[in-house]
N, C-alpha and C. Protein backbone atom coordinates (compact mmCIF):
# COMPACT_ATOMS: atom_id res chain seq x y z
N MET A 1 2.83 -7.45 -12.67
CA MET A 1 2.31 -6.11 -12.86
C MET A 1 1.15 -5.85 -11.90
N ASN A 2 0.28 -6.82 -11.72
CA ASN A 2 -0.87 -6.63 -10.81
C ASN A 2 -0.41 -6.43 -9.37
N ILE A 3 0.63 -7.18 -8.98
CA ILE A 3 1.16 -7.05 -7.62
C ILE A 3 1.69 -5.64 -7.38
N MET A 4 2.48 -5.14 -8.33
CA MET A 4 3.04 -3.79 -8.20
C MET A 4 1.94 -2.74 -8.24
N TYR A 5 0.99 -2.93 -9.10
CA TYR A 5 -0.14 -1.99 -9.23
C TYR A 5 -0.91 -1.88 -7.91
N ARG A 6 -1.23 -3.01 -7.32
CA ARG A 6 -1.98 -2.99 -6.05
C ARG A 6 -1.15 -2.38 -4.92
N ALA A 7 0.15 -2.69 -4.90
CA ALA A 7 1.02 -2.13 -3.86
C ALA A 7 1.08 -0.61 -3.96
N CYS A 8 1.18 -0.09 -5.18
CA CYS A 8 1.21 1.36 -5.39
C CYS A 8 -0.07 2.02 -4.90
N LEU A 9 -1.20 1.42 -5.26
CA LEU A 9 -2.48 2.01 -4.87
C LEU A 9 -2.64 2.05 -3.36
N LYS A 10 -2.25 0.96 -2.69
CA LYS A 10 -2.40 0.91 -1.23
C LYS A 10 -1.48 1.92 -0.56
N ALA A 11 -0.24 1.99 -1.00
CA ALA A 11 0.72 2.90 -0.37
C ALA A 11 0.38 4.37 -0.64
N SER A 12 -0.27 4.62 -1.76
CA SER A 12 -0.55 6.01 -2.14
C SER A 12 -1.66 6.66 -1.34
N LYS A 13 -2.51 5.86 -0.72
CA LYS A 13 -3.66 6.43 -0.01
C LYS A 13 -3.22 7.39 1.10
N LEU A 14 -2.21 7.00 1.86
CA LEU A 14 -1.74 7.85 2.94
C LEU A 14 -0.91 9.03 2.42
N LEU A 15 -0.25 8.83 1.28
CA LEU A 15 0.50 9.94 0.68
C LEU A 15 -0.46 11.04 0.25
N ILE A 16 -1.56 10.66 -0.34
CA ILE A 16 -2.56 11.64 -0.78
C ILE A 16 -3.12 12.39 0.43
N ARG A 17 -3.34 11.65 1.52
CA ARG A 17 -3.84 12.28 2.73
C ARG A 17 -2.87 13.31 3.28
N ASP A 18 -1.58 12.94 3.26
CA ASP A 18 -0.55 13.82 3.84
C ASP A 18 -0.18 14.99 2.94
N PHE A 19 -0.42 14.84 1.64
CA PHE A 19 -0.02 15.90 0.72
C PHE A 19 -0.78 17.20 1.04
N GLY A 20 -0.07 18.27 1.13
CA GLY A 20 -0.70 19.53 1.50
C GLY A 20 -0.73 19.77 2.99
N GLU A 21 -0.35 18.74 3.78
CA GLU A 21 -0.29 18.89 5.24
C GLU A 21 1.12 18.57 5.71
N ILE A 22 2.08 18.99 4.92
CA ILE A 22 3.48 18.62 5.14
C ILE A 22 3.99 19.10 6.50
N GLU A 23 3.47 20.24 6.97
CA GLU A 23 3.98 20.79 8.22
C GLU A 23 3.72 19.89 9.41
N LYS A 24 2.80 18.90 9.25
CA LYS A 24 2.49 18.00 10.34
C LYS A 24 3.40 16.76 10.37
N LEU A 25 4.21 16.60 9.32
CA LEU A 25 5.06 15.42 9.23
C LEU A 25 6.34 15.62 10.04
N GLN A 26 6.89 14.51 10.53
CA GLN A 26 8.16 14.53 11.21
C GLN A 26 9.25 14.30 10.18
N VAL A 27 10.12 15.28 10.00
CA VAL A 27 11.14 15.20 8.96
C VAL A 27 12.53 15.11 9.59
N SER A 28 13.32 14.16 9.09
CA SER A 28 14.68 14.01 9.59
C SER A 28 15.66 14.13 8.42
N SER A 29 16.87 14.52 8.72
CA SER A 29 17.87 14.72 7.68
C SER A 29 18.62 13.42 7.39
N LYS A 30 18.79 13.11 6.08
CA LYS A 30 19.60 11.96 5.69
C LYS A 30 21.01 12.41 5.33
N GLY A 31 21.19 13.69 5.13
CA GLY A 31 22.48 14.20 4.72
C GLY A 31 22.30 15.57 4.10
N PRO A 32 23.37 16.22 3.70
CA PRO A 32 23.28 17.56 3.12
C PRO A 32 22.34 17.61 1.92
N GLY A 33 21.35 18.44 2.00
CA GLY A 33 20.43 18.62 0.88
C GLY A 33 19.53 17.44 0.60
N ASP A 34 19.48 16.47 1.49
CA ASP A 34 18.71 15.26 1.22
C ASP A 34 17.87 14.92 2.45
N PHE A 35 16.56 14.92 2.32
CA PHE A 35 15.70 14.72 3.46
C PHE A 35 14.75 13.55 3.24
N VAL A 36 14.38 12.94 4.35
CA VAL A 36 13.42 11.85 4.28
C VAL A 36 12.33 12.11 5.31
N SER A 37 11.10 11.91 4.91
CA SER A 37 9.98 12.16 5.80
C SER A 37 9.44 10.87 6.37
N SER A 38 8.60 11.02 7.38
CA SER A 38 7.95 9.85 7.95
C SER A 38 7.07 9.18 6.89
N ALA A 39 6.55 9.99 5.96
CA ALA A 39 5.74 9.45 4.87
C ALA A 39 6.56 8.54 3.96
N ASP A 40 7.80 8.93 3.72
CA ASP A 40 8.72 8.14 2.89
C ASP A 40 8.92 6.76 3.51
N LYS A 41 9.22 6.74 4.80
CA LYS A 41 9.49 5.47 5.50
C LYS A 41 8.22 4.61 5.56
N ARG A 42 7.08 5.25 5.82
CA ARG A 42 5.83 4.50 5.93
C ARG A 42 5.43 3.91 4.57
N THR A 43 5.63 4.68 3.52
CA THR A 43 5.31 4.20 2.16
C THR A 43 6.15 2.98 1.81
N GLU A 44 7.44 3.06 2.12
CA GLU A 44 8.32 1.92 1.83
C GLU A 44 7.88 0.68 2.60
N LYS A 45 7.50 0.86 3.85
CA LYS A 45 7.06 -0.25 4.69
C LYS A 45 5.83 -0.94 4.08
N ILE A 46 4.86 -0.16 3.62
CA ILE A 46 3.65 -0.71 3.01
C ILE A 46 3.99 -1.45 1.73
N LEU A 47 4.87 -0.86 0.91
CA LEU A 47 5.26 -1.51 -0.35
C LEU A 47 5.94 -2.85 -0.08
N ILE A 48 6.87 -2.87 0.85
CA ILE A 48 7.58 -4.10 1.19
C ILE A 48 6.60 -5.18 1.67
N GLU A 49 5.69 -4.80 2.55
CA GLU A 49 4.73 -5.75 3.08
C GLU A 49 3.86 -6.34 1.96
N GLU A 50 3.39 -5.50 1.05
CA GLU A 50 2.54 -5.97 -0.04
C GLU A 50 3.28 -6.88 -1.01
N LEU A 51 4.51 -6.51 -1.34
CA LEU A 51 5.30 -7.32 -2.27
C LEU A 51 5.69 -8.65 -1.63
N GLN A 52 6.01 -8.63 -0.33
CA GLN A 52 6.39 -9.87 0.34
C GLN A 52 5.21 -10.82 0.54
N LYS A 53 4.01 -10.29 0.61
CA LYS A 53 2.83 -11.15 0.69
C LYS A 53 2.75 -12.04 -0.54
N ALA A 54 3.07 -11.47 -1.69
CA ALA A 54 2.97 -12.22 -2.95
C ALA A 54 4.17 -13.13 -3.16
N HIS A 55 5.38 -12.63 -2.83
CA HIS A 55 6.60 -13.42 -3.07
C HIS A 55 7.56 -13.20 -1.91
N PRO A 56 7.38 -13.89 -0.81
CA PRO A 56 8.24 -13.69 0.37
C PRO A 56 9.70 -14.07 0.13
N ASP A 57 9.97 -14.86 -0.91
CA ASP A 57 11.33 -15.30 -1.18
C ASP A 57 12.10 -14.35 -2.08
N TYR A 58 11.44 -13.36 -2.65
CA TYR A 58 12.13 -12.45 -3.57
C TYR A 58 13.02 -11.47 -2.81
N GLY A 59 14.10 -11.06 -3.44
CA GLY A 59 14.94 -10.01 -2.89
C GLY A 59 14.27 -8.66 -3.11
N ILE A 60 14.67 -7.67 -2.30
CA ILE A 60 14.14 -6.32 -2.42
C ILE A 60 15.28 -5.33 -2.24
N VAL A 61 15.38 -4.37 -3.15
CA VAL A 61 16.34 -3.29 -3.06
C VAL A 61 15.54 -2.00 -2.83
N THR A 62 15.79 -1.32 -1.72
CA THR A 62 15.03 -0.12 -1.40
C THR A 62 15.96 1.03 -1.08
N GLU A 63 15.46 2.25 -1.26
CA GLU A 63 16.27 3.43 -0.98
C GLU A 63 16.56 3.58 0.50
N GLU A 64 15.57 3.35 1.34
CA GLU A 64 15.71 3.61 2.77
C GLU A 64 16.30 2.43 3.54
N THR A 65 15.78 1.23 3.31
CA THR A 65 16.18 0.05 4.10
C THR A 65 17.44 -0.61 3.56
N GLY A 66 17.65 -0.53 2.26
CA GLY A 66 18.79 -1.21 1.65
C GLY A 66 18.35 -2.50 0.96
N ILE A 67 19.11 -3.57 1.15
CA ILE A 67 18.81 -4.83 0.49
C ILE A 67 18.18 -5.80 1.47
N ILE A 68 17.06 -6.39 1.07
CA ILE A 68 16.35 -7.38 1.88
C ILE A 68 16.44 -8.73 1.17
N ASN A 69 16.69 -9.79 1.93
CA ASN A 69 16.80 -11.15 1.37
C ASN A 69 17.93 -11.22 0.32
N LYS A 70 19.15 -11.01 0.77
CA LYS A 70 20.30 -11.01 -0.14
C LYS A 70 20.56 -12.35 -0.79
N SER A 71 19.95 -13.41 -0.27
CA SER A 71 20.17 -14.74 -0.83
C SER A 71 19.54 -14.91 -2.20
N ASN A 72 18.57 -14.05 -2.52
CA ASN A 72 17.92 -14.14 -3.83
C ASN A 72 18.29 -12.94 -4.68
N MET A 73 19.26 -13.14 -5.57
CA MET A 73 19.68 -12.07 -6.49
C MET A 73 19.05 -12.26 -7.87
N LYS A 74 18.32 -13.37 -8.04
CA LYS A 74 17.70 -13.65 -9.33
C LYS A 74 16.39 -12.90 -9.50
N ASN A 75 15.58 -12.86 -8.47
CA ASN A 75 14.28 -12.18 -8.52
C ASN A 75 14.28 -11.07 -7.50
N ARG A 76 14.18 -9.81 -7.96
CA ARG A 76 14.24 -8.69 -7.02
C ARG A 76 13.25 -7.58 -7.39
N TRP A 77 12.63 -7.02 -6.34
CA TRP A 77 11.87 -5.78 -6.48
C TRP A 77 12.83 -4.63 -6.19
N ILE A 78 12.74 -3.55 -6.97
CA ILE A 78 13.58 -2.37 -6.75
C ILE A 78 12.64 -1.20 -6.50
N ILE A 79 12.71 -0.64 -5.29
CA ILE A 79 11.69 0.30 -4.83
C ILE A 79 12.26 1.68 -4.52
N ASP A 80 11.55 2.70 -4.98
CA ASP A 80 11.75 4.06 -4.48
C ASP A 80 10.39 4.52 -3.97
N PRO A 81 10.21 4.61 -2.66
CA PRO A 81 8.88 4.91 -2.11
C PRO A 81 8.34 6.28 -2.49
N ILE A 82 9.21 7.28 -2.48
CA ILE A 82 8.82 8.61 -2.96
C ILE A 82 10.00 9.17 -3.76
N ASP A 83 9.93 9.09 -5.06
CA ASP A 83 10.95 9.68 -5.90
C ASP A 83 10.55 11.13 -6.15
N GLY A 84 11.35 12.04 -5.59
CA GLY A 84 10.97 13.45 -5.59
C GLY A 84 10.52 13.87 -4.19
N THR A 85 11.25 13.37 -3.18
CA THR A 85 10.89 13.65 -1.79
C THR A 85 10.82 15.14 -1.49
N MET A 86 11.78 15.90 -2.01
CA MET A 86 11.78 17.34 -1.74
C MET A 86 10.54 18.01 -2.32
N ASN A 87 10.11 17.58 -3.50
CA ASN A 87 8.87 18.11 -4.07
C ASN A 87 7.69 17.81 -3.14
N PHE A 88 7.65 16.57 -2.67
CA PHE A 88 6.57 16.18 -1.76
C PHE A 88 6.56 17.05 -0.50
N LEU A 89 7.75 17.25 0.07
CA LEU A 89 7.86 18.04 1.28
C LEU A 89 7.45 19.50 1.08
N LYS A 90 7.55 19.97 -0.16
CA LYS A 90 7.21 21.35 -0.47
C LYS A 90 5.82 21.47 -1.11
N SER A 91 5.05 20.39 -1.06
CA SER A 91 3.70 20.36 -1.63
C SER A 91 3.67 20.62 -3.12
N ILE A 92 4.70 20.16 -3.81
CA ILE A 92 4.75 20.22 -5.27
C ILE A 92 4.32 18.85 -5.80
N PRO A 93 3.28 18.79 -6.62
CA PRO A 93 2.73 17.49 -7.04
C PRO A 93 3.54 16.79 -8.14
N GLN A 94 4.86 16.79 -7.98
CA GLN A 94 5.74 16.14 -8.96
C GLN A 94 6.61 15.13 -8.21
N PHE A 95 6.00 14.03 -7.83
CA PHE A 95 6.71 12.94 -7.15
C PHE A 95 5.97 11.65 -7.47
N ALA A 96 6.63 10.52 -7.22
CA ALA A 96 6.02 9.25 -7.61
C ALA A 96 6.53 8.09 -6.78
N ILE A 97 5.71 7.06 -6.72
CA ILE A 97 6.12 5.75 -6.22
C ILE A 97 6.68 4.98 -7.42
N SER A 98 7.83 4.39 -7.25
CA SER A 98 8.46 3.67 -8.36
C SER A 98 8.84 2.25 -7.94
N ILE A 99 8.39 1.26 -8.70
CA ILE A 99 8.72 -0.13 -8.45
C ILE A 99 9.14 -0.81 -9.74
N GLY A 100 10.31 -1.42 -9.73
CA GLY A 100 10.76 -2.21 -10.86
C GLY A 100 10.93 -3.66 -10.44
N TYR A 101 10.70 -4.58 -11.36
CA TYR A 101 10.94 -5.99 -11.08
C TYR A 101 12.11 -6.46 -11.94
N GLU A 102 13.14 -6.98 -11.29
CA GLU A 102 14.34 -7.44 -11.96
C GLU A 102 14.43 -8.95 -11.89
N GLU A 103 14.74 -9.56 -13.03
CA GLU A 103 14.89 -11.02 -13.09
C GLU A 103 16.20 -11.35 -13.81
N GLU A 104 17.10 -11.98 -13.08
CA GLU A 104 18.41 -12.35 -13.60
C GLU A 104 19.13 -11.15 -14.21
N GLY A 105 19.09 -10.03 -13.49
CA GLY A 105 19.83 -8.86 -13.89
C GLY A 105 19.15 -7.95 -14.92
N GLU A 106 17.95 -8.33 -15.35
CA GLU A 106 17.23 -7.51 -16.35
C GLU A 106 15.91 -7.01 -15.76
N ILE A 107 15.62 -5.73 -15.97
CA ILE A 107 14.36 -5.17 -15.51
C ILE A 107 13.26 -5.64 -16.48
N LYS A 108 12.34 -6.44 -15.96
CA LYS A 108 11.31 -7.03 -16.81
C LYS A 108 10.00 -6.22 -16.82
N CYS A 109 9.68 -5.54 -15.73
CA CYS A 109 8.49 -4.71 -15.72
C CYS A 109 8.63 -3.63 -14.66
N GLY A 110 7.84 -2.58 -14.81
CA GLY A 110 7.95 -1.46 -13.89
C GLY A 110 6.69 -0.64 -13.83
N VAL A 111 6.51 0.03 -12.68
CA VAL A 111 5.37 0.91 -12.46
C VAL A 111 5.87 2.21 -11.84
N ILE A 112 5.42 3.33 -12.36
CA ILE A 112 5.69 4.65 -11.80
C ILE A 112 4.35 5.34 -11.62
N PHE A 113 4.02 5.67 -10.36
CA PHE A 113 2.68 6.20 -10.07
C PHE A 113 2.77 7.55 -9.37
N ASN A 114 2.20 8.57 -10.01
CA ASN A 114 2.04 9.87 -9.37
C ASN A 114 0.64 9.92 -8.78
N PRO A 115 0.51 9.76 -7.46
CA PRO A 115 -0.82 9.65 -6.86
C PRO A 115 -1.63 10.94 -6.89
N ILE A 116 -0.97 12.08 -6.90
CA ILE A 116 -1.69 13.34 -6.91
C ILE A 116 -2.32 13.61 -8.28
N MET A 117 -1.60 13.29 -9.33
CA MET A 117 -2.12 13.48 -10.69
C MET A 117 -2.88 12.25 -11.18
N ASN A 118 -2.85 11.17 -10.38
CA ASN A 118 -3.49 9.90 -10.75
C ASN A 118 -2.99 9.41 -12.10
N GLU A 119 -1.67 9.44 -12.27
CA GLU A 119 -1.06 8.93 -13.51
C GLU A 119 -0.23 7.70 -13.19
N MET A 120 -0.61 6.58 -13.77
CA MET A 120 0.07 5.31 -13.57
C MET A 120 0.77 4.92 -14.88
N PHE A 121 2.09 5.02 -14.88
CA PHE A 121 2.89 4.59 -16.02
C PHE A 121 3.36 3.16 -15.75
N CYS A 122 3.22 2.28 -16.72
CA CYS A 122 3.64 0.91 -16.49
C CYS A 122 4.07 0.24 -17.79
N ALA A 123 4.88 -0.76 -17.67
CA ALA A 123 5.35 -1.50 -18.84
C ALA A 123 5.85 -2.87 -18.43
N GLU A 124 5.70 -3.82 -19.33
CA GLU A 124 6.24 -5.16 -19.16
C GLU A 124 6.97 -5.52 -20.44
N LYS A 125 8.13 -6.11 -20.32
CA LYS A 125 8.93 -6.42 -21.50
C LYS A 125 8.13 -7.18 -22.54
N GLY A 126 8.11 -6.64 -23.75
CA GLY A 126 7.43 -7.27 -24.86
C GLY A 126 5.96 -6.92 -25.00
N ASN A 127 5.42 -6.17 -24.03
CA ASN A 127 3.98 -5.85 -24.05
C ASN A 127 3.67 -4.36 -24.14
N GLY A 128 4.68 -3.54 -24.40
CA GLY A 128 4.42 -2.12 -24.57
C GLY A 128 4.37 -1.35 -23.26
N ALA A 129 4.26 -0.03 -23.39
CA ALA A 129 4.20 0.87 -22.24
C ALA A 129 2.88 1.62 -22.25
N TYR A 130 2.37 1.91 -21.06
CA TYR A 130 1.04 2.51 -20.94
C TYR A 130 1.02 3.62 -19.88
N LEU A 131 0.19 4.62 -20.14
CA LEU A 131 -0.17 5.62 -19.15
C LEU A 131 -1.64 5.38 -18.84
N ASN A 132 -1.92 4.98 -17.61
CA ASN A 132 -3.24 4.49 -17.25
C ASN A 132 -3.61 3.37 -18.24
N ASN A 133 -4.58 3.48 -19.06
CA ASN A 133 -4.89 2.37 -19.98
C ASN A 133 -4.59 2.69 -21.43
N SER A 134 -3.83 3.76 -21.67
CA SER A 134 -3.54 4.18 -23.04
C SER A 134 -2.08 3.91 -23.40
N ARG A 135 -1.86 3.36 -24.59
CA ARG A 135 -0.51 3.06 -25.05
C ARG A 135 0.27 4.36 -25.23
N ILE A 136 1.52 4.37 -24.87
CA ILE A 136 2.36 5.56 -25.03
C ILE A 136 3.58 5.25 -25.88
N ARG A 137 4.11 6.31 -26.52
CA ARG A 137 5.32 6.21 -27.33
C ARG A 137 6.19 7.42 -27.08
N VAL A 138 7.49 7.24 -27.26
CA VAL A 138 8.41 8.37 -27.16
C VAL A 138 8.16 9.33 -28.32
N SER A 139 8.70 10.54 -28.21
CA SER A 139 8.50 11.54 -29.27
C SER A 139 9.21 11.14 -30.54
N ASN A 140 8.85 11.80 -31.63
CA ASN A 140 9.47 11.48 -32.92
C ASN A 140 10.39 12.59 -33.40
N LYS A 141 10.93 13.37 -32.46
CA LYS A 141 11.87 14.43 -32.83
C LYS A 141 13.10 13.83 -33.51
N LYS A 142 13.51 14.42 -34.61
CA LYS A 142 14.64 13.90 -35.37
C LYS A 142 15.94 14.65 -35.12
N LYS A 143 15.82 15.92 -34.73
CA LYS A 143 17.01 16.76 -34.57
C LYS A 143 17.17 17.21 -33.12
N ILE A 144 18.39 17.07 -32.60
CA ILE A 144 18.66 17.43 -31.21
C ILE A 144 18.39 18.91 -30.96
N LYS A 145 18.57 19.76 -31.95
CA LYS A 145 18.37 21.19 -31.75
C LYS A 145 16.91 21.55 -31.48
N ASP A 146 16.01 20.65 -31.84
CA ASP A 146 14.58 20.87 -31.62
C ASP A 146 14.07 20.19 -30.33
N ALA A 147 14.96 19.52 -29.63
CA ALA A 147 14.53 18.68 -28.50
C ALA A 147 14.33 19.47 -27.21
N LEU A 148 13.34 19.04 -26.43
CA LEU A 148 13.13 19.53 -25.07
C LEU A 148 13.60 18.43 -24.14
N LEU A 149 14.66 18.71 -23.37
CA LEU A 149 15.26 17.71 -22.50
C LEU A 149 14.96 18.03 -21.04
N VAL A 150 15.14 17.03 -20.19
CA VAL A 150 14.96 17.21 -18.75
C VAL A 150 16.16 16.58 -18.04
N THR A 151 16.55 17.17 -16.93
CA THR A 151 17.70 16.67 -16.20
C THR A 151 17.49 16.87 -14.71
N GLY A 152 18.47 16.50 -13.92
CA GLY A 152 18.41 16.67 -12.47
C GLY A 152 19.80 16.86 -11.92
N GLY A 153 19.88 17.19 -10.62
CA GLY A 153 21.17 17.33 -9.97
C GLY A 153 21.82 18.68 -10.27
N PRO A 154 23.00 18.92 -9.71
CA PRO A 154 23.72 18.00 -8.83
C PRO A 154 23.20 18.04 -7.40
N LYS A 155 23.51 16.99 -6.64
CA LYS A 155 23.16 16.96 -5.23
C LYS A 155 24.02 17.97 -4.46
N GLY A 156 23.53 18.37 -3.31
CA GLY A 156 24.29 19.31 -2.51
C GLY A 156 25.66 18.77 -2.11
N SER A 157 25.75 17.45 -1.94
CA SER A 157 27.01 16.82 -1.51
C SER A 157 27.88 16.38 -2.67
N SER A 158 27.46 16.66 -3.90
CA SER A 158 28.20 16.21 -5.09
C SER A 158 29.62 16.76 -5.12
N LYS A 159 30.55 15.90 -5.53
CA LYS A 159 31.94 16.31 -5.66
C LYS A 159 32.29 16.67 -7.10
N ILE A 160 31.30 16.56 -7.99
CA ILE A 160 31.54 16.87 -9.41
C ILE A 160 30.56 17.95 -9.91
N LYS A 161 30.23 18.87 -9.03
CA LYS A 161 29.28 19.92 -9.41
C LYS A 161 29.73 20.70 -10.64
N ASP A 162 31.00 21.06 -10.69
CA ASP A 162 31.50 21.84 -11.81
C ASP A 162 31.33 21.10 -13.13
N LYS A 163 31.60 19.80 -13.09
CA LYS A 163 31.45 18.98 -14.30
C LYS A 163 29.98 18.93 -14.74
N ILE A 164 29.08 18.77 -13.77
CA ILE A 164 27.66 18.70 -14.08
C ILE A 164 27.15 20.03 -14.63
N PHE A 165 27.56 21.13 -14.02
CA PHE A 165 27.14 22.45 -14.50
C PHE A 165 27.69 22.73 -15.90
N SER A 166 28.94 22.35 -16.13
CA SER A 166 29.56 22.53 -17.44
C SER A 166 28.81 21.72 -18.50
N GLU A 167 28.46 20.50 -18.15
CA GLU A 167 27.72 19.63 -19.07
C GLU A 167 26.35 20.23 -19.38
N TYR A 168 25.70 20.78 -18.34
CA TYR A 168 24.39 21.40 -18.53
C TYR A 168 24.48 22.57 -19.51
N ILE A 169 25.51 23.39 -19.38
CA ILE A 169 25.69 24.53 -20.28
C ILE A 169 25.89 24.05 -21.72
N ASN A 170 26.74 23.04 -21.89
CA ASN A 170 27.02 22.53 -23.22
C ASN A 170 25.79 21.94 -23.88
N VAL A 171 25.00 21.17 -23.10
CA VAL A 171 23.80 20.57 -23.66
C VAL A 171 22.76 21.65 -23.99
N SER A 172 22.57 22.59 -23.08
CA SER A 172 21.54 23.61 -23.27
C SER A 172 21.81 24.50 -24.49
N LYS A 173 23.06 24.61 -24.89
CA LYS A 173 23.41 25.40 -26.07
C LYS A 173 23.01 24.70 -27.37
N ASN A 174 22.73 23.40 -27.29
CA ASN A 174 22.50 22.62 -28.49
C ASN A 174 21.10 22.03 -28.61
N VAL A 175 20.22 22.40 -27.67
CA VAL A 175 18.85 21.88 -27.72
C VAL A 175 17.87 23.05 -27.63
N SER A 176 16.60 22.75 -27.84
CA SER A 176 15.58 23.80 -27.77
C SER A 176 15.47 24.38 -26.38
N ASN A 177 15.43 23.50 -25.35
CA ASN A 177 15.31 23.95 -23.97
C ASN A 177 15.55 22.79 -23.02
N VAL A 178 15.78 23.11 -21.75
CA VAL A 178 16.03 22.09 -20.72
C VAL A 178 15.16 22.41 -19.51
N ARG A 179 14.61 21.37 -18.90
CA ARG A 179 13.80 21.52 -17.70
C ARG A 179 14.44 20.71 -16.55
N LYS A 180 14.08 21.08 -15.31
CA LYS A 180 14.50 20.33 -14.13
C LYS A 180 13.30 20.23 -13.21
N PHE A 181 12.72 19.02 -13.11
CA PHE A 181 11.47 18.84 -12.39
C PHE A 181 11.61 18.18 -11.03
N GLY A 182 12.75 17.51 -10.76
CA GLY A 182 12.99 17.00 -9.42
C GLY A 182 12.57 15.56 -9.13
N SER A 183 12.21 14.80 -10.16
CA SER A 183 11.87 13.39 -9.96
C SER A 183 12.38 12.59 -11.15
N ALA A 184 13.44 11.84 -10.94
CA ALA A 184 14.03 11.06 -12.04
C ALA A 184 13.04 10.07 -12.64
N ALA A 185 12.26 9.41 -11.78
CA ALA A 185 11.29 8.43 -12.26
C ALA A 185 10.27 9.09 -13.18
N LEU A 186 9.71 10.22 -12.77
CA LEU A 186 8.73 10.89 -13.61
C LEU A 186 9.38 11.52 -14.85
N ASP A 187 10.63 11.96 -14.73
CA ASP A 187 11.33 12.46 -15.90
C ASP A 187 11.37 11.39 -16.98
N MET A 188 11.69 10.16 -16.58
CA MET A 188 11.77 9.07 -17.54
C MET A 188 10.37 8.70 -18.07
N ALA A 189 9.39 8.72 -17.18
CA ALA A 189 8.02 8.43 -17.61
C ALA A 189 7.54 9.45 -18.63
N PHE A 190 7.93 10.71 -18.41
CA PHE A 190 7.53 11.78 -19.34
C PHE A 190 8.24 11.64 -20.69
N VAL A 191 9.46 11.12 -20.67
CA VAL A 191 10.13 10.81 -21.94
C VAL A 191 9.37 9.71 -22.66
N ALA A 192 8.95 8.70 -21.90
CA ALA A 192 8.25 7.55 -22.50
C ALA A 192 6.95 7.96 -23.19
N CYS A 193 6.27 8.98 -22.66
CA CYS A 193 5.00 9.38 -23.27
C CYS A 193 5.15 10.60 -24.16
N GLY A 194 6.39 11.02 -24.42
CA GLY A 194 6.62 12.08 -25.40
C GLY A 194 6.54 13.50 -24.88
N ARG A 195 6.36 13.69 -23.58
CA ARG A 195 6.31 15.05 -23.02
C ARG A 195 7.70 15.69 -23.08
N PHE A 196 8.73 14.90 -22.82
CA PHE A 196 10.11 15.31 -23.02
C PHE A 196 10.70 14.44 -24.13
N ASP A 197 11.72 14.98 -24.79
CA ASP A 197 12.37 14.23 -25.86
C ASP A 197 13.56 13.41 -25.36
N GLY A 198 14.06 13.75 -24.18
CA GLY A 198 15.18 12.99 -23.63
C GLY A 198 15.48 13.42 -22.21
N TYR A 199 16.24 12.60 -21.53
CA TYR A 199 16.59 12.84 -20.12
C TYR A 199 18.03 12.40 -19.88
N TRP A 200 18.77 13.17 -19.10
CA TRP A 200 20.08 12.71 -18.66
C TRP A 200 20.33 13.19 -17.24
N GLN A 201 21.14 12.44 -16.53
CA GLN A 201 21.50 12.83 -15.16
C GLN A 201 22.67 12.00 -14.66
N ARG A 202 23.59 12.65 -13.97
CA ARG A 202 24.70 11.95 -13.34
C ARG A 202 24.36 11.65 -11.88
N GLU A 203 25.16 10.78 -11.27
CA GLU A 203 25.02 10.43 -9.85
C GLU A 203 23.60 9.95 -9.54
N ILE A 204 23.12 9.05 -10.37
CA ILE A 204 21.77 8.51 -10.22
C ILE A 204 21.85 7.14 -9.54
N ASN A 205 20.79 6.75 -8.86
CA ASN A 205 20.74 5.45 -8.18
C ASN A 205 19.83 4.48 -8.93
N LEU A 206 20.04 3.20 -8.71
CA LEU A 206 19.26 2.18 -9.40
C LEU A 206 17.77 2.34 -9.12
N TRP A 207 17.40 2.59 -7.85
CA TRP A 207 15.98 2.69 -7.53
C TRP A 207 15.30 3.90 -8.14
N ASP A 208 16.10 4.92 -8.52
CA ASP A 208 15.53 6.10 -9.19
C ASP A 208 15.03 5.78 -10.60
N VAL A 209 15.70 4.86 -11.27
CA VAL A 209 15.45 4.66 -12.69
C VAL A 209 15.02 3.26 -13.09
N ALA A 210 14.99 2.32 -12.14
CA ALA A 210 14.71 0.91 -12.49
C ALA A 210 13.41 0.75 -13.26
N ALA A 211 12.33 1.27 -12.72
CA ALA A 211 11.05 1.15 -13.41
C ALA A 211 11.06 1.91 -14.73
N GLY A 212 11.71 3.07 -14.75
CA GLY A 212 11.75 3.88 -15.95
C GLY A 212 12.46 3.22 -17.11
N VAL A 213 13.43 2.37 -16.82
CA VAL A 213 14.19 1.69 -17.88
C VAL A 213 13.26 0.91 -18.79
N VAL A 214 12.45 0.05 -18.25
CA VAL A 214 11.59 -0.79 -19.08
C VAL A 214 10.46 0.02 -19.70
N ILE A 215 9.98 1.06 -18.99
CA ILE A 215 8.91 1.88 -19.52
C ILE A 215 9.39 2.65 -20.77
N VAL A 216 10.59 3.24 -20.69
CA VAL A 216 11.14 3.94 -21.84
C VAL A 216 11.40 3.00 -22.99
N LYS A 217 11.99 1.86 -22.70
CA LYS A 217 12.29 0.90 -23.77
C LYS A 217 11.02 0.40 -24.46
N GLU A 218 10.01 0.09 -23.66
CA GLU A 218 8.77 -0.41 -24.24
C GLU A 218 7.98 0.67 -24.99
N ALA A 219 8.35 1.93 -24.72
CA ALA A 219 7.72 3.05 -25.44
C ALA A 219 8.49 3.40 -26.71
N GLY A 220 9.56 2.62 -27.00
CA GLY A 220 10.30 2.83 -28.23
C GLY A 220 11.57 3.62 -28.06
N GLY A 221 11.97 3.91 -26.81
CA GLY A 221 13.19 4.67 -26.55
C GLY A 221 14.35 3.76 -26.20
N PHE A 222 15.46 4.38 -25.83
CA PHE A 222 16.63 3.61 -25.40
C PHE A 222 17.21 4.26 -24.15
N PHE A 223 18.02 3.47 -23.44
CA PHE A 223 18.52 3.89 -22.13
C PHE A 223 19.97 3.44 -21.96
N CYS A 224 20.81 4.32 -21.43
CA CYS A 224 22.19 3.97 -21.11
C CYS A 224 22.45 4.31 -19.66
N PHE A 225 23.04 3.37 -18.91
CA PHE A 225 23.26 3.57 -17.48
C PHE A 225 24.72 3.32 -17.14
């Protein structure tokens, strides 16, 4: 936990500097509707360097670089340098650095850090979930009709847009309301602290939700992937 915490803090310093000055960044396209900034790549580089200082033999799964040290599948860091890149590029303060630690196929601890709001969500298996230094719990809503849910997608390149839109309509008819904030990691963190009652999304990646899995579970929730 300390290793991930320090890595997040170091990587976030330049993100905070760049936030609000997005027009100065060099932005390249990764694909239809999906962009990556120089800040994204730089943040990932800092995170990798910090994590490798502590455990050079561990595997790393990252959004931008892919898999590092494939020989170690037992101990792995799972990184999303900026979850909510489009929000970051548009100066919307709803994005986060997300790091999960996986051991023998199970996510054992995770950190989700929104540097602009200075909110650090973290959890370790068996030790509860926290927002900064305060214990958090999922909401106690009993009925789905009273629930406030959050979702994401579909991507511009999605081949199942109709299915996702149909699902959204069906769900929204049976709950209090639905939000779309643009960061899967923070969506899950917000479920963990009771701001949302639930989250769902199709076409999600491991690095989007790895840290959120253990945070939600340790806050008393459940997760299906």
